[in-house]
């Protein structure tokens, strides 16, 4: 049986190199964790699509089931789930996130 929320998520992550499921929008994050990931991506100069999960309760629940990850925000790069705020910050601090973008062919820099 098909799941329309999973189909929507699959389409989002297939059509965009970098997708951030977050509370609020990149311009107006609605939680500190979402704001922190937006800041990391912005500092790296990575273009990404922000998806506001607050506008759709089925998406808010569905993304957690889709990734089997209980918290938001959630970062996807080239269709692959990367992690949430703490993981993204740790990866950025160690250089691992920049390497992931390079390995996946995602443009980094302003």
N, C-alpha and C. Protein backbone atom coordinates (compact mmCIF):
# COMPACT_ATOMS: atom_id res chain seq x y z
N UNK A 1 0.84 -1.18 0.00
CA UNK A 1 0.00 0.00 0.00
C UNK A 1 0.89 1.25 0.00
N UNK A 2 0.55 2.20 -0.84
CA UNK A 2 1.39 3.38 -0.95
C UNK A 2 1.10 4.36 0.19
N UNK A 3 2.12 5.10 0.54
CA UNK A 3 2.01 6.11 1.59
C UNK A 3 2.28 7.46 0.93
N UNK A 4 1.25 8.32 0.81
CA UNK A 4 1.45 9.60 0.10
C UNK A 4 2.51 10.49 0.75
N UNK A 5 2.64 10.44 2.06
CA UNK A 5 3.66 11.25 2.73
C UNK A 5 5.05 10.75 2.37
N UNK A 6 5.25 9.43 2.39
CA UNK A 6 6.55 8.86 2.01
C UNK A 6 6.86 9.18 0.56
N UNK A 7 5.84 9.14 -0.30
CA UNK A 7 6.04 9.46 -1.72
C UNK A 7 6.49 10.91 -1.88
N UNK A 8 5.87 11.80 -1.12
CA UNK A 8 6.24 13.22 -1.17
C UNK A 8 7.67 13.42 -0.71
N UNK A 9 8.05 12.78 0.39
CA UNK A 9 9.41 12.89 0.91
C UNK A 9 10.40 12.33 -0.12
N UNK A 10 10.09 11.17 -0.67
CA UNK A 10 10.97 10.56 -1.68
C UNK A 10 11.17 11.49 -2.86
N UNK A 11 10.09 12.14 -3.29
CA UNK A 11 10.18 13.07 -4.42
C UNK A 11 11.03 14.29 -4.04
N UNK A 12 10.81 14.84 -2.85
CA UNK A 12 11.60 15.99 -2.39
C UNK A 12 13.09 15.69 -2.40
N UNK A 13 13.46 14.55 -1.82
CA UNK A 13 14.89 14.25 -1.69
C UNK A 13 15.50 13.78 -3.01
N UNK A 14 14.64 13.33 -3.95
CA UNK A 14 15.14 12.96 -5.27
C UNK A 14 15.37 14.19 -6.14
N UNK A 15 14.53 15.20 -5.98
CA UNK A 15 14.57 16.38 -6.85
C UNK A 15 15.50 17.48 -6.36
N UNK A 16 15.97 17.40 -5.11
CA UNK A 16 16.83 18.43 -4.54
C UNK A 16 18.09 17.81 -3.98
N UNK A 17 19.23 18.40 -4.28
CA UNK A 17 20.50 17.85 -3.78
C UNK A 17 20.55 17.82 -2.27
N UNK A 18 20.11 18.92 -1.65
CA UNK A 18 20.17 19.04 -0.20
C UNK A 18 18.80 19.49 0.29
N UNK A 19 18.22 18.72 1.21
CA UNK A 19 16.90 19.03 1.75
C UNK A 19 17.01 19.02 3.27
N UNK A 20 16.42 20.06 3.88
CA UNK A 20 16.36 20.14 5.34
C UNK A 20 14.90 20.18 5.76
N UNK A 21 14.47 19.11 6.43
CA UNK A 21 13.14 19.10 7.04
C UNK A 21 13.30 19.78 8.39
N UNK A 22 12.56 20.86 8.58
CA UNK A 22 12.81 21.72 9.73
C UNK A 22 11.52 22.34 10.24
N UNK A 23 11.62 22.94 11.40
CA UNK A 23 10.51 23.71 11.96
C UNK A 23 10.70 25.15 11.51
N UNK A 24 9.77 25.63 10.69
CA UNK A 24 9.87 26.96 10.14
C UNK A 24 10.51 26.92 8.76
N UNK A 25 11.03 28.07 8.34
CA UNK A 25 11.66 28.20 7.03
C UNK A 25 13.11 28.63 7.21
N UNK A 26 13.93 28.49 6.16
CA UNK A 26 15.31 28.95 6.30
C UNK A 26 15.42 30.42 6.71
N UNK A 27 14.50 31.25 6.25
CA UNK A 27 14.53 32.67 6.62
C UNK A 27 14.01 32.90 8.04
N UNK A 28 13.07 32.05 8.48
CA UNK A 28 12.47 32.21 9.81
C UNK A 28 12.35 30.87 10.52
N UNK A 29 13.48 30.31 10.96
CA UNK A 29 13.42 29.04 11.70
C UNK A 29 12.59 29.20 12.97
N UNK A 30 11.83 28.15 13.31
CA UNK A 30 10.95 28.20 14.46
C UNK A 30 11.48 27.42 15.66
N UNK A 31 12.72 26.96 15.59
CA UNK A 31 13.35 26.35 16.76
C UNK A 31 14.85 26.53 16.65
N UNK A 32 15.52 26.49 17.78
CA UNK A 32 16.95 26.70 17.82
C UNK A 32 17.75 25.66 17.06
N UNK A 33 17.27 24.42 17.08
CA UNK A 33 17.99 23.35 16.39
C UNK A 33 17.93 23.54 14.88
N UNK A 34 16.73 23.90 14.39
CA UNK A 34 16.59 24.17 12.96
C UNK A 34 17.45 25.37 12.57
N UNK A 35 17.44 26.41 13.39
CA UNK A 35 18.24 27.60 13.12
C UNK A 35 19.73 27.25 13.06
N UNK A 36 20.18 26.37 13.93
CA UNK A 36 21.59 25.99 13.97
C UNK A 36 22.01 25.27 12.68
N UNK A 37 21.16 24.38 12.18
CA UNK A 37 21.50 23.66 10.94
C UNK A 37 21.46 24.62 9.75
N UNK A 38 20.48 25.51 9.71
CA UNK A 38 20.43 26.52 8.65
C UNK A 38 21.72 27.34 8.67
N UNK A 39 22.19 27.70 9.85
CA UNK A 39 23.41 28.49 9.98
C UNK A 39 24.63 27.73 9.45
N UNK A 40 24.73 26.45 9.79
CA UNK A 40 25.85 25.63 9.31
C UNK A 40 25.84 25.59 7.78
N UNK A 41 24.68 25.30 7.20
CA UNK A 41 24.59 25.21 5.74
C UNK A 41 24.88 26.56 5.09
N UNK A 42 24.36 27.62 5.69
CA UNK A 42 24.59 28.97 5.14
C UNK A 42 26.06 29.34 5.22
N UNK A 43 26.70 29.02 6.35
CA UNK A 43 28.12 29.32 6.53
C UNK A 43 28.97 28.59 5.49
N UNK A 44 28.53 27.40 5.10
CA UNK A 44 29.26 26.62 4.10
C UNK A 44 28.91 27.05 2.68
N UNK A 45 27.88 27.88 2.54
CA UNK A 45 27.46 28.33 1.21
C UNK A 45 26.76 27.24 0.42
N UNK A 46 26.08 26.34 1.11
CA UNK A 46 25.37 25.23 0.46
C UNK A 46 23.93 25.65 0.19
N UNK A 47 23.52 25.50 -1.06
CA UNK A 47 22.12 25.75 -1.41
C UNK A 47 21.31 24.55 -0.98
N UNK A 48 20.16 24.80 -0.34
CA UNK A 48 19.32 23.70 0.13
C UNK A 48 17.86 24.09 0.08
N UNK A 49 17.01 23.07 0.08
CA UNK A 49 15.57 23.30 0.13
C UNK A 49 15.12 23.05 1.57
N UNK A 50 14.51 24.05 2.16
CA UNK A 50 13.95 23.90 3.49
C UNK A 50 12.48 23.51 3.39
N UNK A 51 12.08 22.49 4.14
CA UNK A 51 10.69 22.04 4.16
C UNK A 51 10.16 22.24 5.57
N UNK A 52 9.15 23.10 5.69
CA UNK A 52 8.56 23.43 6.99
C UNK A 52 7.57 22.33 7.38
N UNK A 53 7.94 21.56 8.39
CA UNK A 53 7.07 20.45 8.81
C UNK A 53 5.94 20.93 9.71
N UNK A 54 5.98 22.19 10.13
CA UNK A 54 4.92 22.69 11.01
C UNK A 54 3.61 22.93 10.28
N UNK A 55 3.66 23.09 8.95
CA UNK A 55 2.45 23.37 8.20
C UNK A 55 1.65 22.11 7.86
N UNK A 56 2.24 20.94 8.10
CA UNK A 56 1.58 19.69 7.73
C UNK A 56 1.85 18.62 8.78
N UNK A 57 0.88 18.38 9.68
CA UNK A 57 1.09 17.38 10.74
C UNK A 57 1.42 15.98 10.21
N UNK A 58 0.86 15.60 9.05
CA UNK A 58 1.16 14.27 8.51
C UNK A 58 2.62 14.19 8.08
N UNK A 59 3.16 15.30 7.59
CA UNK A 59 4.57 15.33 7.21
C UNK A 59 5.46 15.31 8.46
N UNK A 60 5.04 16.02 9.49
CA UNK A 60 5.81 16.07 10.75
C UNK A 60 5.98 14.67 11.32
N UNK A 61 4.91 13.89 11.31
CA UNK A 61 4.99 12.50 11.80
C UNK A 61 5.65 11.59 10.77
N UNK A 62 5.32 11.81 9.50
CA UNK A 62 5.80 10.94 8.43
C UNK A 62 7.30 10.96 8.25
N UNK A 63 7.92 12.14 8.40
CA UNK A 63 9.37 12.23 8.20
C UNK A 63 10.10 11.43 9.28
N UNK A 64 9.56 11.39 10.47
CA UNK A 64 10.19 10.62 11.55
C UNK A 64 10.11 9.12 11.25
N UNK A 65 9.00 8.68 10.68
CA UNK A 65 8.86 7.27 10.31
C UNK A 65 9.73 6.95 9.09
N UNK A 66 9.77 7.88 8.13
CA UNK A 66 10.53 7.68 6.90
C UNK A 66 12.00 7.43 7.20
N UNK A 67 12.55 8.24 8.10
CA UNK A 67 13.99 8.16 8.41
C UNK A 67 14.28 7.24 9.58
N UNK A 68 13.23 6.87 10.31
CA UNK A 68 13.40 6.12 11.56
C UNK A 68 14.28 6.93 12.52
N UNK A 69 14.05 8.25 12.53
CA UNK A 69 14.80 9.17 13.37
C UNK A 69 13.78 10.02 14.12
N UNK A 70 13.87 10.12 15.45
CA UNK A 70 12.77 10.70 16.24
C UNK A 70 12.71 12.22 16.30
N UNK A 71 13.76 12.91 15.86
CA UNK A 71 13.79 14.35 16.07
C UNK A 71 13.94 15.12 14.77
N UNK A 72 13.69 16.41 14.88
CA UNK A 72 13.87 17.34 13.76
C UNK A 72 14.78 18.45 14.23
N UNK A 73 15.52 19.07 13.35
CA UNK A 73 15.50 18.94 11.90
C UNK A 73 16.18 17.66 11.42
N UNK A 74 15.98 17.38 10.12
CA UNK A 74 16.62 16.24 9.48
C UNK A 74 17.21 16.70 8.15
N UNK A 75 18.48 16.38 7.94
CA UNK A 75 19.19 16.78 6.73
C UNK A 75 19.38 15.59 5.80
N UNK A 76 19.05 15.81 4.53
CA UNK A 76 19.27 14.81 3.49
C UNK A 76 20.19 15.40 2.43
N UNK A 77 21.18 14.62 2.00
CA UNK A 77 22.09 15.03 0.95
C UNK A 77 22.07 13.97 -0.14
N UNK A 78 21.68 14.37 -1.34
CA UNK A 78 21.59 13.46 -2.49
C UNK A 78 20.79 12.21 -2.13
N UNK A 79 19.66 12.41 -1.45
CA UNK A 79 18.76 11.31 -1.12
C UNK A 79 19.14 10.52 0.11
N UNK A 80 20.27 10.84 0.72
CA UNK A 80 20.75 10.08 1.88
C UNK A 80 20.52 10.87 3.16
N UNK A 81 19.93 10.21 4.17
CA UNK A 81 19.72 10.83 5.47
C UNK A 81 21.07 11.02 6.15
N UNK A 82 21.36 12.26 6.56
CA UNK A 82 22.63 12.56 7.22
C UNK A 82 22.46 12.56 8.73
N UNK A 83 21.45 13.29 9.23
CA UNK A 83 21.24 13.33 10.67
C UNK A 83 20.53 14.60 11.08
N UNK A 84 20.54 14.82 12.38
CA UNK A 84 19.90 15.99 12.96
C UNK A 84 20.92 17.04 13.35
N UNK A 85 20.51 17.94 14.19
CA UNK A 85 21.31 19.11 14.53
C UNK A 85 22.68 18.75 15.11
N UNK A 86 22.72 17.92 16.14
CA UNK A 86 24.00 17.59 16.78
C UNK A 86 24.96 16.93 15.80
N UNK A 87 24.45 15.99 15.02
CA UNK A 87 25.29 15.29 14.05
C UNK A 87 25.82 16.26 13.00
N UNK A 88 24.96 17.13 12.48
CA UNK A 88 25.38 18.09 11.46
C UNK A 88 26.44 19.03 12.02
N UNK A 89 26.24 19.52 13.25
CA UNK A 89 27.23 20.43 13.85
C UNK A 89 28.57 19.72 14.07
N UNK A 90 28.52 18.49 14.57
CA UNK A 90 29.75 17.73 14.80
C UNK A 90 30.48 17.46 13.49
N UNK A 91 29.71 17.09 12.46
CA UNK A 91 30.31 16.81 11.15
C UNK A 91 30.94 18.08 10.56
N UNK A 92 30.27 19.21 10.73
CA UNK A 92 30.80 20.47 10.21
C UNK A 92 32.09 20.84 10.94
N UNK A 93 32.10 20.67 12.26
CA UNK A 93 33.27 21.02 13.06
C UNK A 93 34.48 20.17 12.70
N UNK A 94 34.24 18.89 12.36
CA UNK A 94 35.35 17.98 12.05
C UNK A 94 35.77 18.03 10.58
N UNK A 95 34.96 18.71 9.75
CA UNK A 95 35.24 18.74 8.32
C UNK A 95 34.56 17.61 7.56
N UNK A 96 33.93 16.71 8.30
CA UNK A 96 33.27 15.56 7.67
C UNK A 96 32.10 15.98 6.78
N UNK A 97 31.36 17.00 7.19
CA UNK A 97 30.22 17.46 6.40
C UNK A 97 30.69 18.05 5.07
N UNK A 98 31.74 18.86 5.13
CA UNK A 98 32.28 19.44 3.91
C UNK A 98 32.76 18.34 2.96
N UNK A 99 33.38 17.30 3.53
CA UNK A 99 33.85 16.17 2.72
C UNK A 99 32.68 15.42 2.10
N UNK A 100 31.60 15.26 2.87
CA UNK A 100 30.40 14.59 2.35
C UNK A 100 29.86 15.35 1.15
N UNK A 101 29.75 16.68 1.27
CA UNK A 101 29.27 17.48 0.15
C UNK A 101 30.19 17.31 -1.06
N UNK A 102 31.48 17.34 -0.83
CA UNK A 102 32.45 17.17 -1.92
C UNK A 102 32.29 15.80 -2.58
N UNK A 103 32.21 14.76 -1.75
CA UNK A 103 32.08 13.39 -2.26
C UNK A 103 30.79 13.21 -3.07
N UNK A 104 29.74 13.90 -2.66
CA UNK A 104 28.44 13.78 -3.33
C UNK A 104 28.29 14.75 -4.51
N UNK A 105 29.29 15.60 -4.69
CA UNK A 105 29.24 16.55 -5.80
C UNK A 105 28.33 17.74 -5.56
N UNK A 106 28.16 18.10 -4.29
CA UNK A 106 27.33 19.25 -3.95
C UNK A 106 28.22 20.49 -3.84
N UNK A 107 27.83 21.56 -4.52
CA UNK A 107 28.62 22.78 -4.51
C UNK A 107 28.65 23.39 -3.12
N UNK A 108 29.84 23.77 -2.69
CA UNK A 108 30.04 24.43 -1.40
C UNK A 108 30.74 25.75 -1.67
N UNK A 109 30.37 26.77 -0.96
CA UNK A 109 30.98 28.08 -1.14
C UNK A 109 29.95 29.09 -1.58
N UNK A 110 30.18 30.31 -1.20
CA UNK A 110 29.18 31.37 -1.44
C UNK A 110 28.86 31.57 -2.89
